N, C-alpha and C. Protein backbone atom coordinates (compact mmCIF):
# COMPACT_ATOMS: atom_id res chain seq x y z
N MET A 1 35.76 -83.72 75.57
CA MET A 1 34.73 -84.95 76.05
C MET A 1 34.98 -84.56 77.07
N ASN A 2 34.37 -84.36 77.76
CA ASN A 2 34.67 -84.38 79.48
C ASN A 2 34.25 -85.88 80.28
N GLN A 3 34.55 -85.72 81.24
CA GLN A 3 34.56 -87.26 82.33
C GLN A 3 32.57 -87.54 82.06
N LYS A 4 31.95 -86.20 82.39
CA LYS A 4 30.65 -87.07 82.43
C LYS A 4 30.34 -87.32 81.57
N GLU A 5 30.58 -86.72 80.39
CA GLU A 5 29.93 -87.18 78.59
C GLU A 5 30.83 -88.69 78.82
N LEU A 6 32.13 -89.06 78.87
CA LEU A 6 32.65 -90.25 78.88
C LEU A 6 31.68 -91.29 79.83
N LYS A 7 31.58 -90.95 80.80
CA LYS A 7 31.19 -91.94 81.71
C LYS A 7 29.75 -92.42 81.17
N GLU A 8 28.89 -91.30 80.74
CA GLU A 8 27.27 -91.47 80.18
C GLU A 8 27.45 -92.42 79.10
N LEU A 9 28.61 -92.31 78.26
CA LEU A 9 28.73 -93.03 76.97
C LEU A 9 29.00 -94.58 77.03
N ILE A 10 30.53 -94.22 78.34
CA ILE A 10 30.37 -96.26 78.87
C ILE A 10 29.20 -97.02 78.98
N GLU A 11 28.42 -95.95 79.96
CA GLU A 11 27.09 -96.53 80.56
C GLU A 11 26.03 -96.96 79.34
N PHE A 12 25.73 -96.24 78.21
CA PHE A 12 25.10 -96.23 77.24
C PHE A 12 25.76 -97.57 76.38
N LEU A 13 26.63 -97.95 76.56
CA LEU A 13 27.72 -99.06 75.13
C LEU A 13 27.06 -100.25 76.08
N ILE A 14 27.24 -100.13 77.06
CA ILE A 14 27.35 -101.53 78.45
C ILE A 14 25.39 -101.52 78.53
N GLU A 15 24.76 -100.86 78.41
CA GLU A 15 23.28 -101.10 78.42
C GLU A 15 23.13 -101.60 76.95
N LYS A 16 23.50 -101.35 75.77
CA LYS A 16 22.81 -101.35 74.32
C LYS A 16 24.26 -102.68 74.42
N ASP A 17 24.72 -102.91 74.94
CA ASP A 17 25.69 -104.52 74.77
C ASP A 17 26.44 -104.12 73.38
N ILE A 18 26.88 -102.62 73.59
CA ILE A 18 28.39 -102.73 72.26
C ILE A 18 29.51 -103.27 72.48
N ALA A 19 29.89 -103.97 72.12
CA ALA A 19 31.32 -104.72 72.38
C ALA A 19 32.46 -103.42 71.55
N GLU A 20 32.42 -102.59 70.53
CA GLU A 20 33.32 -101.93 69.96
C GLU A 20 32.71 -100.65 69.47
N PHE A 21 33.41 -99.44 69.73
CA PHE A 21 33.03 -98.28 69.44
C PHE A 21 33.93 -96.96 69.35
N GLU A 22 33.70 -96.49 68.15
CA GLU A 22 34.73 -95.19 67.82
C GLU A 22 34.30 -94.03 67.53
N LEU A 23 34.80 -93.00 68.17
CA LEU A 23 34.22 -91.81 68.01
C LEU A 23 35.35 -90.53 67.75
N GLU A 24 35.03 -89.59 66.84
CA GLU A 24 36.02 -89.03 66.33
C GLU A 24 35.28 -87.51 66.24
N ARG A 25 35.67 -86.49 67.46
CA ARG A 25 35.05 -85.03 67.42
C ARG A 25 36.12 -84.23 67.41
N GLY A 26 36.21 -83.48 66.50
CA GLY A 26 37.06 -82.60 66.37
C GLY A 26 38.66 -83.16 66.48
N ASP A 27 39.22 -82.70 67.40
CA ASP A 27 40.91 -83.24 67.62
C ASP A 27 40.66 -84.17 68.59
N VAL A 28 39.58 -84.82 69.30
CA VAL A 28 39.46 -85.67 70.03
C VAL A 28 38.86 -86.73 69.45
N LYS A 29 39.67 -88.30 69.40
CA LYS A 29 39.12 -89.47 69.35
C LYS A 29 39.35 -90.36 70.44
N VAL A 30 37.87 -91.11 70.54
CA VAL A 30 37.71 -92.22 71.42
C VAL A 30 37.23 -93.74 70.88
N ARG A 31 38.19 -94.18 71.40
CA ARG A 31 37.71 -95.89 71.09
C ARG A 31 37.78 -96.32 72.46
N ILE A 32 36.64 -97.31 72.40
CA ILE A 32 36.04 -97.95 73.39
C ILE A 32 35.95 -99.64 72.56
N LYS A 33 36.63 -100.48 73.45
CA LYS A 33 36.32 -102.04 72.93
C LYS A 33 36.12 -102.77 74.11
N ARG A 34 35.15 -103.55 74.58
CA ARG A 34 34.54 -104.35 75.58
C ARG A 34 35.48 -105.76 75.40
N ALA A 35 35.84 -106.43 76.19
CA ALA A 35 36.15 -107.52 76.58
C ALA A 35 35.70 -108.11 78.12
N GLY A 36 34.85 -109.19 77.81
CA GLY A 36 34.55 -109.51 79.16
C GLY A 36 33.85 -108.52 79.93
N GLU A 37 34.09 -108.58 81.13
CA GLU A 37 33.34 -107.67 82.12
C GLU A 37 34.24 -106.17 81.84
N HIS A 38 35.05 -106.08 81.45
CA HIS A 38 35.99 -104.85 80.94
C HIS A 38 35.99 -104.14 80.37
N THR A 39 35.93 -102.63 80.53
CA THR A 39 36.13 -101.97 79.21
C THR A 39 36.93 -100.87 78.70
N VAL A 40 37.63 -100.87 78.24
CA VAL A 40 38.95 -100.44 77.66
C VAL A 40 38.81 -99.06 76.99
N VAL A 41 39.24 -97.67 77.11
CA VAL A 41 39.06 -96.28 76.54
C VAL A 41 40.53 -96.09 76.33
N HIS A 42 40.62 -96.18 75.15
CA HIS A 42 41.95 -95.52 74.61
C HIS A 42 41.33 -93.91 74.12
N THR A 43 42.47 -92.89 74.36
CA THR A 43 41.66 -91.51 73.92
C THR A 43 42.99 -91.45 73.08
N GLY A 44 42.71 -90.27 72.57
CA GLY A 44 44.26 -88.96 71.30
C GLY A 44 44.76 -88.90 72.04
N HIS A 45 45.76 -88.03 71.13
CA HIS A 45 46.80 -87.14 71.90
C HIS A 45 48.00 -87.08 73.01
N GLY A 46 48.10 -88.78 72.88
CA GLY A 46 49.03 -89.17 73.88
C GLY A 46 48.56 -89.25 75.49
N GLU A 47 47.16 -89.30 75.25
CA GLU A 47 46.84 -88.97 76.93
C GLU A 47 46.48 -90.16 77.69
N PRO A 48 46.64 -90.92 79.05
CA PRO A 48 47.10 -92.38 79.21
C PRO A 48 45.37 -93.08 78.77
N ARG A 49 45.85 -94.41 79.53
CA ARG A 49 44.50 -95.00 78.73
C ARG A 49 43.73 -94.89 80.35
N PHE A 50 42.39 -95.21 80.17
CA PHE A 50 41.65 -95.52 81.52
C PHE A 50 40.86 -96.82 80.88
N TYR A 51 40.74 -97.27 82.10
CA TYR A 51 39.74 -98.24 82.85
C TYR A 51 38.61 -98.08 83.15
N ALA A 52 37.87 -98.96 82.86
CA ALA A 52 36.49 -98.41 83.59
C ALA A 52 36.00 -100.27 83.44
N VAL A 53 35.27 -100.10 84.68
CA VAL A 53 34.83 -101.76 85.12
C VAL A 53 33.13 -101.37 85.21
N PRO A 54 32.20 -101.94 84.56
CA PRO A 54 31.04 -101.67 84.75
C PRO A 54 30.44 -102.95 86.12
N ALA A 55 30.21 -103.98 86.29
CA ALA A 55 30.46 -104.48 87.05
C ALA A 55 31.05 -104.54 88.39
N ALA A 56 30.92 -105.03 89.29
CA ALA A 56 31.53 -105.12 90.66
C ALA A 56 33.10 -105.08 90.72
N PRO A 57 33.97 -104.06 90.45
CA PRO A 57 35.45 -104.39 90.22
C PRO A 57 36.16 -104.95 91.27
N GLY A 58 36.99 -105.89 90.48
CA GLY A 58 38.18 -106.52 91.24
C GLY A 58 39.42 -105.75 91.14
N PRO A 59 40.57 -106.29 91.09
CA PRO A 59 41.82 -105.35 91.27
C PRO A 59 42.08 -104.48 90.09
N ALA A 60 42.40 -103.25 90.42
CA ALA A 60 43.13 -102.55 89.15
C ALA A 60 43.81 -102.49 88.13
N PRO A 61 43.32 -102.78 87.00
CA PRO A 61 44.98 -103.18 86.18
C PRO A 61 45.40 -101.72 85.85
N GLU A 62 46.68 -101.83 85.98
CA GLU A 62 47.81 -100.89 85.63
C GLU A 62 47.40 -99.69 84.57
N LEU A 63 47.80 -98.67 84.45
CA LEU A 63 47.35 -97.96 83.25
C LEU A 63 48.40 -98.46 82.13
N GLY A 64 47.95 -98.38 80.77
CA GLY A 64 48.94 -98.64 79.56
C GLY A 64 49.20 -100.18 79.60
N THR A 65 48.44 -100.98 80.34
CA THR A 65 48.38 -102.18 79.87
C THR A 65 46.80 -102.81 79.69
N ALA A 66 46.89 -103.40 78.61
CA ALA A 66 46.06 -104.33 78.38
C ALA A 66 44.91 -105.30 79.45
N SER A 67 43.71 -104.74 79.12
CA SER A 67 42.74 -105.85 80.18
C SER A 67 42.85 -107.16 79.46
N PRO A 68 42.89 -108.16 80.36
CA PRO A 68 43.25 -109.92 79.78
C PRO A 68 41.71 -109.80 79.42
N VAL A 69 41.17 -110.90 78.40
CA VAL A 69 40.19 -111.36 77.95
C VAL A 69 39.68 -112.47 78.35
N SER A 70 38.93 -112.40 78.84
CA SER A 70 38.26 -113.49 79.78
C SER A 70 38.14 -115.10 78.88
N SER A 71 38.62 -116.09 79.67
CA SER A 71 38.66 -117.29 78.99
C SER A 71 37.22 -118.21 78.82
N GLY A 72 36.32 -117.41 79.27
CA GLY A 72 34.85 -117.84 78.63
C GLY A 72 34.47 -118.18 80.19
N VAL A 73 35.07 -118.80 81.34
CA VAL A 73 34.49 -119.08 82.65
C VAL A 73 34.31 -118.30 83.15
N ALA A 74 32.89 -118.25 83.65
CA ALA A 74 32.06 -117.01 84.39
C ALA A 74 32.94 -117.32 85.88
N ALA A 75 33.32 -115.93 86.53
CA ALA A 75 33.68 -116.44 87.73
C ALA A 75 33.00 -116.10 88.38
N ALA A 76 32.53 -116.45 89.79
CA ALA A 76 31.68 -116.43 91.05
C ALA A 76 31.94 -114.42 91.51
N PRO A 77 30.77 -113.75 91.15
CA PRO A 77 31.09 -112.92 91.76
C PRO A 77 31.60 -112.35 93.40
N PRO A 78 32.37 -111.65 93.00
CA PRO A 78 33.40 -111.14 94.67
C PRO A 78 31.94 -111.21 95.61
N LYS A 79 31.89 -111.46 96.92
CA LYS A 79 31.07 -111.10 97.95
C LYS A 79 31.62 -109.57 98.35
N GLU A 80 30.58 -109.47 99.11
CA GLU A 80 30.83 -107.89 99.53
C GLU A 80 30.87 -107.87 101.02
N PRO A 81 31.89 -108.54 101.90
CA PRO A 81 31.23 -108.80 103.20
C PRO A 81 30.58 -107.46 103.79
N ALA A 82 31.31 -106.17 103.39
CA ALA A 82 31.16 -105.04 104.14
C ALA A 82 29.52 -104.68 104.08
N ALA A 83 29.17 -104.86 103.04
CA ALA A 83 27.04 -104.58 102.72
C ALA A 83 26.32 -105.70 103.70
N GLU A 84 27.23 -106.57 103.96
CA GLU A 84 26.34 -107.46 104.99
C GLU A 84 26.58 -107.05 106.24
N GLU A 85 27.65 -106.30 106.57
CA GLU A 85 27.46 -105.95 108.06
C GLU A 85 27.09 -104.38 108.30
N GLY A 86 26.54 -103.93 107.38
CA GLY A 86 25.79 -102.64 107.66
C GLY A 86 26.54 -101.28 107.26
N LEU A 87 27.86 -102.02 106.66
CA LEU A 87 28.93 -100.73 106.47
C LEU A 87 28.27 -100.11 104.88
N HIS A 88 28.70 -98.74 104.93
CA HIS A 88 28.37 -97.96 103.77
C HIS A 88 29.45 -97.80 102.79
N ILE A 89 29.88 -98.34 101.47
CA ILE A 89 30.80 -98.47 100.63
C ILE A 89 30.85 -97.11 99.73
N VAL A 90 31.69 -96.13 99.96
CA VAL A 90 31.86 -94.99 98.75
C VAL A 90 32.85 -95.34 97.67
N LYS A 91 31.94 -95.27 96.51
CA LYS A 91 33.13 -95.61 95.46
C LYS A 91 33.21 -94.45 94.24
N SER A 92 34.23 -94.89 93.44
CA SER A 92 34.71 -93.82 92.70
C SER A 92 33.48 -93.28 91.76
N PRO A 93 33.38 -92.45 91.72
CA PRO A 93 32.87 -92.20 90.30
C PRO A 93 33.11 -91.53 88.94
N ILE A 94 34.19 -91.71 89.46
CA ILE A 94 35.03 -91.55 87.23
C ILE A 94 36.50 -92.47 87.93
N VAL A 95 37.33 -92.47 86.70
CA VAL A 95 38.10 -93.15 86.68
C VAL A 95 40.02 -92.03 86.60
N GLY A 96 40.83 -92.69 87.32
CA GLY A 96 41.84 -91.24 87.84
C GLY A 96 42.64 -91.88 88.43
N THR A 97 43.45 -90.47 89.44
CA THR A 97 44.65 -91.48 90.08
C THR A 97 43.98 -91.04 91.69
N PHE A 98 43.83 -91.49 92.70
CA PHE A 98 43.63 -91.54 93.88
C PHE A 98 44.54 -90.48 94.92
N TYR A 99 44.26 -89.86 95.58
CA TYR A 99 45.12 -89.22 96.20
C TYR A 99 44.45 -88.99 97.89
N GLU A 100 45.23 -89.18 98.65
CA GLU A 100 44.43 -89.23 100.07
C GLU A 100 44.28 -87.65 101.04
N ALA A 101 45.37 -87.01 99.99
CA ALA A 101 45.56 -85.57 101.01
C ALA A 101 45.30 -84.44 99.98
N PRO A 102 45.02 -83.34 100.13
CA PRO A 102 45.25 -82.05 99.28
C PRO A 102 46.66 -81.67 98.65
N SER A 103 47.87 -82.08 99.19
CA SER A 103 48.85 -82.14 98.59
C SER A 103 49.95 -82.54 99.14
N PRO A 104 51.04 -83.37 98.56
CA PRO A 104 51.98 -84.09 99.11
C PRO A 104 52.86 -83.48 100.53
N GLY A 105 52.74 -84.42 101.26
CA GLY A 105 53.57 -84.12 102.67
C GLY A 105 52.26 -83.32 103.45
N ALA A 106 51.36 -83.09 103.00
CA ALA A 106 50.22 -83.05 103.85
C ALA A 106 49.54 -83.77 104.58
N PRO A 107 48.36 -83.55 105.80
CA PRO A 107 48.11 -85.00 106.04
C PRO A 107 46.39 -85.31 105.53
N PRO A 108 46.46 -86.44 105.60
CA PRO A 108 44.82 -87.29 104.62
C PRO A 108 44.00 -86.40 105.06
N PHE A 109 42.95 -86.17 104.17
CA PHE A 109 41.43 -86.14 104.37
C PHE A 109 41.07 -86.67 105.65
N VAL A 110 40.99 -88.02 105.47
CA VAL A 110 40.23 -88.76 106.87
C VAL A 110 41.16 -90.14 106.71
N LYS A 111 41.11 -90.40 107.82
CA LYS A 111 42.07 -91.61 107.93
C LYS A 111 40.46 -92.58 108.74
N ALA A 112 41.20 -93.83 108.89
CA ALA A 112 40.36 -94.91 109.77
C ALA A 112 40.30 -94.49 111.59
N GLY A 113 38.61 -94.38 111.59
CA GLY A 113 38.74 -93.99 113.22
C GLY A 113 37.98 -92.88 113.10
N ASP A 114 38.18 -91.97 111.81
CA ASP A 114 37.76 -90.17 112.06
C ASP A 114 36.06 -90.17 111.83
N THR A 115 35.33 -89.31 112.28
CA THR A 115 34.15 -89.39 112.20
C THR A 115 33.96 -88.45 111.05
N VAL A 116 33.35 -88.78 109.89
CA VAL A 116 32.86 -87.81 109.06
C VAL A 116 31.32 -87.37 108.63
N ASP A 117 31.14 -86.17 108.10
CA ASP A 117 29.87 -85.74 107.78
C ASP A 117 29.48 -86.02 106.65
N VAL A 118 28.46 -85.65 105.90
CA VAL A 118 27.96 -85.71 104.90
C VAL A 118 28.48 -84.20 104.28
N GLY A 119 29.07 -84.72 102.86
CA GLY A 119 29.46 -83.60 102.13
C GLY A 119 31.01 -83.48 102.62
N GLN A 120 31.50 -83.75 103.88
CA GLN A 120 32.61 -83.90 104.04
C GLN A 120 33.92 -84.49 102.52
N VAL A 121 35.05 -84.02 102.73
CA VAL A 121 36.02 -84.27 101.56
C VAL A 121 36.72 -85.35 102.28
N LEU A 122 36.46 -86.48 101.16
CA LEU A 122 37.11 -87.71 101.98
C LEU A 122 38.76 -88.15 101.07
N CYS A 123 38.41 -87.55 99.82
CA CYS A 123 39.73 -87.93 98.97
C CYS A 123 40.00 -87.16 97.72
N ILE A 124 40.48 -86.87 97.15
CA ILE A 124 40.56 -86.53 95.65
C ILE A 124 41.08 -87.58 94.49
N VAL A 125 40.06 -87.49 93.71
CA VAL A 125 40.80 -88.26 92.11
C VAL A 125 40.80 -87.49 91.07
N GLU A 126 42.04 -87.54 90.61
CA GLU A 126 42.47 -87.04 89.54
C GLU A 126 42.41 -87.68 88.55
N ALA A 127 41.74 -86.42 87.47
CA ALA A 127 41.46 -87.50 85.94
C ALA A 127 41.16 -86.44 84.78
N MET A 128 42.24 -86.28 84.37
CA MET A 128 42.80 -85.48 83.07
C MET A 128 42.83 -84.37 83.58
N LYS A 129 43.90 -84.09 84.46
CA LYS A 129 44.59 -83.07 84.92
C LYS A 129 43.43 -82.02 85.77
N LEU A 130 42.51 -82.18 86.07
CA LEU A 130 41.25 -82.18 86.57
C LEU A 130 41.03 -82.65 88.30
N LEU A 131 41.20 -82.07 89.63
CA LEU A 131 41.07 -82.36 90.72
C LEU A 131 39.72 -82.80 91.15
N ASN A 132 39.00 -83.50 91.19
CA ASN A 132 37.83 -83.71 91.92
C ASN A 132 37.67 -84.23 93.24
N GLU A 133 37.22 -83.27 94.21
CA GLU A 133 37.07 -83.70 95.64
C GLU A 133 35.97 -84.40 95.63
N ILE A 134 36.00 -86.38 96.13
CA ILE A 134 35.22 -86.80 96.66
C ILE A 134 34.83 -86.85 97.75
N GLU A 135 33.14 -86.52 98.15
CA GLU A 135 32.93 -86.34 99.13
C GLU A 135 32.07 -87.55 99.60
N SER A 136 31.85 -87.52 101.28
CA SER A 136 31.23 -88.81 101.57
C SER A 136 29.78 -88.20 101.55
N ASP A 137 28.85 -89.17 101.42
CA ASP A 137 27.38 -89.31 101.45
C ASP A 137 26.70 -89.58 102.11
N VAL A 138 27.43 -90.31 103.37
CA VAL A 138 26.81 -90.64 104.87
C VAL A 138 27.63 -89.62 105.67
N ALA A 139 27.09 -89.66 106.92
CA ALA A 139 27.70 -89.75 108.06
C ALA A 139 27.98 -90.55 108.85
N GLY A 140 29.15 -90.65 109.67
CA GLY A 140 29.45 -91.89 110.27
C GLY A 140 31.09 -92.08 110.45
N GLU A 141 31.40 -92.81 110.82
CA GLU A 141 33.07 -93.39 110.82
C GLU A 141 33.72 -94.14 109.79
N ILE A 142 34.83 -93.37 109.67
CA ILE A 142 35.99 -94.31 108.52
C ILE A 142 36.22 -95.78 109.34
N VAL A 143 35.85 -96.33 108.61
CA VAL A 143 36.30 -97.99 109.27
C VAL A 143 37.83 -98.78 108.48
N LYS A 144 37.78 -97.99 107.17
CA LYS A 144 38.96 -98.51 106.00
C LYS A 144 38.80 -97.64 105.21
N ARG A 145 40.22 -97.28 104.67
CA ARG A 145 40.63 -96.60 103.47
C ARG A 145 41.05 -97.96 102.37
N LEU A 146 40.17 -97.91 101.15
CA LEU A 146 40.25 -99.15 100.38
C LEU A 146 41.46 -99.38 99.15
N ALA A 147 41.80 -98.09 98.95
CA ALA A 147 42.74 -97.38 97.65
C ALA A 147 44.06 -96.93 98.32
N SER A 148 45.01 -97.31 96.99
CA SER A 148 46.39 -96.60 97.86
C SER A 148 46.39 -95.33 97.74
N ASN A 149 47.45 -94.22 97.84
CA ASN A 149 47.35 -93.11 97.33
C ASN A 149 48.43 -93.49 96.49
N GLY A 150 48.02 -92.03 95.45
CA GLY A 150 48.95 -92.09 93.96
C GLY A 150 48.59 -93.05 93.00
N GLN A 151 47.81 -94.40 93.12
CA GLN A 151 47.44 -95.31 92.33
C GLN A 151 46.13 -94.98 91.80
N PRO A 152 46.19 -95.72 90.43
CA PRO A 152 45.31 -95.72 89.89
C PRO A 152 43.88 -96.09 90.39
N VAL A 153 42.67 -95.63 89.90
CA VAL A 153 41.40 -96.37 90.46
C VAL A 153 40.37 -96.35 89.19
N GLU A 154 39.29 -97.09 88.96
CA GLU A 154 38.51 -97.21 88.39
C GLU A 154 37.06 -96.82 88.87
N TYR A 155 36.51 -96.60 87.96
CA TYR A 155 34.89 -96.26 88.05
C TYR A 155 34.35 -97.16 88.73
N GLY A 156 33.57 -97.13 89.97
CA GLY A 156 33.15 -98.30 90.57
C GLY A 156 33.62 -98.71 91.73
N GLN A 157 35.17 -98.67 91.64
CA GLN A 157 36.30 -98.82 92.32
C GLN A 157 35.56 -98.36 94.08
N GLU A 158 35.65 -99.42 94.68
CA GLU A 158 35.45 -99.08 96.10
C GLU A 158 36.52 -98.22 96.59
N LEU A 159 36.37 -97.41 97.49
CA LEU A 159 37.31 -96.52 97.85
C LEU A 159 37.91 -96.39 99.36
N PHE A 160 36.49 -95.79 100.39
CA PHE A 160 36.05 -96.14 101.71
C PHE A 160 35.22 -96.91 102.29
N THR A 161 35.33 -97.18 103.18
CA THR A 161 33.89 -98.02 104.18
C THR A 161 33.71 -97.23 105.40
N ILE A 162 32.43 -96.98 105.36
CA ILE A 162 31.93 -95.99 106.62
C ILE A 162 31.15 -96.90 107.14
N ARG A 163 30.91 -96.79 108.36
CA ARG A 163 29.95 -97.39 109.61
C ARG A 163 29.13 -96.02 109.65
N PRO A 164 28.00 -96.31 109.36
CA PRO A 164 27.04 -94.70 109.45
C PRO A 164 26.75 -94.60 110.95
N GLY A 165 26.49 -93.42 111.29
CA GLY A 165 26.18 -92.75 112.41
C GLY A 165 25.02 -93.54 112.59
N LYS A 166 24.65 -93.32 114.07
CA LYS A 166 23.23 -94.01 114.90
C LYS A 166 22.03 -92.68 114.61
């Protein structure tokens, strides 16, 4: 099961409001159990656990830890000041590990203040041993990097804010 299939499966389960799901295909076993806004995905073969947040994500839980169960009290959704200021947010299309540079010790792809073009590589998100280049979908100036190098990122987690060019 590849990242795209897993993402589509999670989106389908969220859309249909399915709380628990298990799939076994050959030697791959996927078990998804939703609690509150968080979706926990366990995969077989000793692979790391992935956490996907379908709504506006908060701080990312660490890999290998369980998501907290909602207390039943709905928290107010976090405000996105960047969107109000006309800044563009680049979000992670997959769950994985964020890398700011092509290799350890290399300079980062971009830093705050850099001007980027559409299609320019901003970072890499590693998922299941695959390096996925995340490209800018707007031209403009990098305002801030929102993810930490070498740290896990969630699906939909904000990675960069970009001030679109005029």
